[in-house]
Amino acid sequence: CLFLKQISDADSLRKALGNAFERASLPTLSADERRRALSFCVVGAGPTGVEFCGELRDFLAADAARYYPDLVGEARVTLLEATDQ
């Protein structure tokens, strides 16, 4: 679980994304483990959560696709909202 409130949180998040793709690229991982490593969940559909999902999608389409072309298609992003609206 990571937060996105401070600049240091953004740096931790960037590192965690890179680590997730590095872990998923290990040849010893099963398909199920790889799917779990590349599943990202953003909680909170307010302005920050929605903006982050958009940026994450852009990262997956551009940067991750360049460095991890075999894995990027397996990445999943889920946006969750806790209210009933």
C-alpha atoms as a PDB file:
ATOM      1  CA  CYS A   1       0.000   0.000   0.000  1.00  0.00           C
ATOM      2  CA  LEU A   2       1.430   3.338  -1.062  1.00  0.00           C
ATOM      3  CA  PHE A   3       0.122   6.849  -0.594  1.00  0.00           C
ATOM      4  CA  LEU A   4       0.394   9.898  -2.830  1.00  0.00           C
ATOM      5  CA  LYS A   5       0.462  12.894  -0.522  1.00  0.00           C
ATOM      6  CA  GLN A   6       4.109  13.988  -0.455  1.00  0.00           C
ATOM      7  CA  ILE A   7       6.883  14.248  -3.047  1.00  0.00           C
ATOM      8  CA  SER A   8       8.651  11.357  -1.307  1.00  0.00           C
ATOM      9  CA  ASP A   9       5.490   9.257  -1.814  1.00  0.00           C
ATOM     10  CA  ALA A  10       5.690   9.842  -5.572  1.00  0.00           C
ATOM     11  CA  ASP A  11       9.325   8.696  -5.567  1.00  0.00           C
ATOM     12  CA  SER A  12       8.401   5.551  -3.632  1.00  0.00           C
ATOM     13  CA  LEU A  13       5.576   4.895  -6.068  1.00  0.00           C
ATOM     14  CA  ARG A  14       7.880   5.264  -9.067  1.00  0.00           C
ATOM     15  CA  LYS A  15      10.319   2.786  -7.542  1.00  0.00           C
ATOM     16  CA  ALA A  16       7.521   0.340  -6.707  1.00  0.00           C
ATOM     17  CA  LEU A  17       6.257   0.397 -10.316  1.00  0.00           C
ATOM     18  CA  GLY A  18       9.736  -0.337 -11.630  1.00  0.00           C
ATOM     19  CA  ASN A  19      10.182  -3.109  -9.072  1.00  0.00           C
ATOM     20  CA  ALA A  20       6.843  -4.655 -10.059  1.00  0.00           C
ATOM     21  CA  PHE A  21       7.914  -4.909 -13.689  1.00  0.00           C
ATOM     22  CA  GLU A  22      11.367  -6.188 -12.758  1.00  0.00           C
ATOM     23  CA  ARG A  23       9.815  -8.850 -10.548  1.00  0.00           C
ATOM     24  CA  ALA A  24       7.314  -9.825 -13.249  1.00  0.00           C
ATOM     25  CA  SER A  25      10.151 -10.288 -15.733  1.00  0.00           C
ATOM     26  CA  LEU A  26      11.811 -13.003 -13.641  1.00  0.00           C
ATOM     27  CA  PRO A  27      11.764 -16.263 -15.593  1.00  0.00           C
ATOM     28  CA  THR A  28      10.930 -18.298 -12.480  1.00  0.00           C
ATOM     29  CA  LEU A  29       7.578 -16.562 -11.890  1.00  0.00           C
ATOM     30  CA  SER A  30       4.410 -18.415 -12.736  1.00  0.00           C
ATOM     31  CA  ALA A  31       1.760 -16.750 -14.885  1.00  0.00           C
ATOM     32  CA  ASP A  32      -0.398 -16.225 -11.789  1.00  0.00           C
ATOM     33  CA  GLU A  33       2.460 -14.568  -9.872  1.00  0.00           C
ATOM     34  CA  ARG A  34       3.233 -12.363 -12.867  1.00  0.00           C
ATOM     35  CA  ARG A  35      -0.423 -11.308 -13.112  1.00  0.00           C
ATOM     36  CA  ARG A  36      -0.450 -10.392  -9.409  1.00  0.00           C
ATOM     37  CA  ALA A  37       2.802  -8.428  -9.741  1.00  0.00           C
ATOM     38  CA  LEU A  38       1.311  -6.401 -12.600  1.00  0.00           C
ATOM     39  CA  SER A  39      -2.064  -5.673 -10.995  1.00  0.00           C
ATOM     40  CA  PHE A  40      -2.341  -2.118  -9.720  1.00  0.00           C
ATOM     41  CA  CYS A  41      -5.227  -0.793  -7.659  1.00  0.00           C
ATOM     42  CA  VAL A  42      -5.849   2.915  -7.088  1.00  0.00           C
ATOM     43  CA  VAL A  43      -8.233   3.654  -4.228  1.00  0.00           C
ATOM     44  CA  GLY A  44     -10.061   6.959  -4.423  1.00  0.00           C
ATOM     45  CA  ALA A  45     -11.698   8.271  -7.572  1.00  0.00           C
ATOM     46  CA  GLY A  46     -11.176  11.902  -6.680  1.00  0.00           C
ATOM     47  CA  PRO A  47      -9.037  14.221  -8.777  1.00  0.00           C
ATOM     48  CA  THR A  48      -5.728  12.715  -7.617  1.00  0.00           C
ATOM     49  CA  GLY A  49      -6.796   9.097  -8.119  1.00  0.00           C
ATOM     50  CA  VAL A  50      -8.269   9.715 -11.552  1.00  0.00           C
ATOM     51  CA  GLU A  51      -5.254  11.760 -12.652  1.00  0.00           C
ATOM     52  CA  PHE A  52      -2.898   9.077 -11.382  1.00  0.00           C
ATOM     53  CA  CYS A  53      -4.795   6.368 -13.289  1.00  0.00           C
ATOM     54  CA  GLY A  54      -4.433   8.423 -16.450  1.00  0.00           C
ATOM     55  CA  GLU A  55      -0.724   8.914 -15.882  1.00  0.00           C
ATOM     56  CA  LEU A  56      -0.281   5.223 -15.078  1.00  0.00           C
ATOM     57  CA  ARG A  57      -2.049   4.322 -18.315  1.00  0.00           C
ATOM     58  CA  ASP A  58       0.265   6.670 -20.220  1.00  0.00           C
ATOM     59  CA  PHE A  59       3.283   5.092 -18.506  1.00  0.00           C
ATOM     60  CA  LEU A  60       2.094   1.614 -19.487  1.00  0.00           C
ATOM     61  CA  ALA A  61       1.412   2.634 -23.101  1.00  0.00           C
ATOM     62  CA  ALA A  62       4.702   4.476 -23.627  1.00  0.00           C
ATOM     63  CA  ASP A  63       7.532   3.768 -21.199  1.00  0.00           C
ATOM     64  CA  ALA A  64       6.653   0.287 -19.952  1.00  0.00           C
ATOM     65  CA  ALA A  65       5.824  -0.841 -23.496  1.00  0.00           C
ATOM     66  CA  ARG A  66       9.298   0.222 -24.606  1.00  0.00           C
ATOM     67  CA  TYR A  67      11.172  -1.553 -21.797  1.00  0.00           C
ATOM     68  CA  TYR A  68       8.847  -4.507 -21.146  1.00  0.00           C
ATOM     69  CA  PRO A  69       6.983  -5.194 -24.400  1.00  0.00           C
ATOM     70  CA  ASP A  70       6.174  -8.783 -23.427  1.00  0.00           C
ATOM     71  CA  LEU A  71       4.712  -7.783 -20.068  1.00  0.00           C
ATOM     72  CA  VAL A  72       2.812  -4.564 -20.642  1.00  0.00           C
ATOM     73  CA  GLY A  73      -0.214  -6.380 -22.046  1.00  0.00           C
ATOM     74  CA  GLU A  74      -0.569  -8.257 -18.769  1.00  0.00           C
ATOM     75  CA  ALA A  75      -0.706  -5.104 -16.617  1.00  0.00           C
ATOM     76  CA  ARG A  76      -4.084  -4.254 -15.089  1.00  0.00           C
ATOM     77  CA  VAL A  77      -5.172  -1.012 -13.429  1.00  0.00           C
ATOM     78  CA  THR A  78      -8.269  -0.848 -11.238  1.00  0.00           C
ATOM     79  CA  LEU A  79      -9.754   2.382  -9.878  1.00  0.00           C
ATOM     80  CA  LEU A  80     -11.895   1.945  -6.758  1.00  0.00           C
ATOM     81  CA  GLU A  81     -14.254   4.436  -5.142  1.00  0.00           C
ATOM     82  CA  ALA A  82     -15.554   3.839  -1.620  1.00  0.00           C
ATOM     83  CA  THR A  83     -18.730   5.912  -1.827  1.00  0.00           C
ATOM     84  CA  ASP A  84     -22.023   4.826  -3.342  1.00  0.00           C
ATOM     85  CA  GLN A  85     -22.218   7.792  -5.744  1.00  0.00           C
END
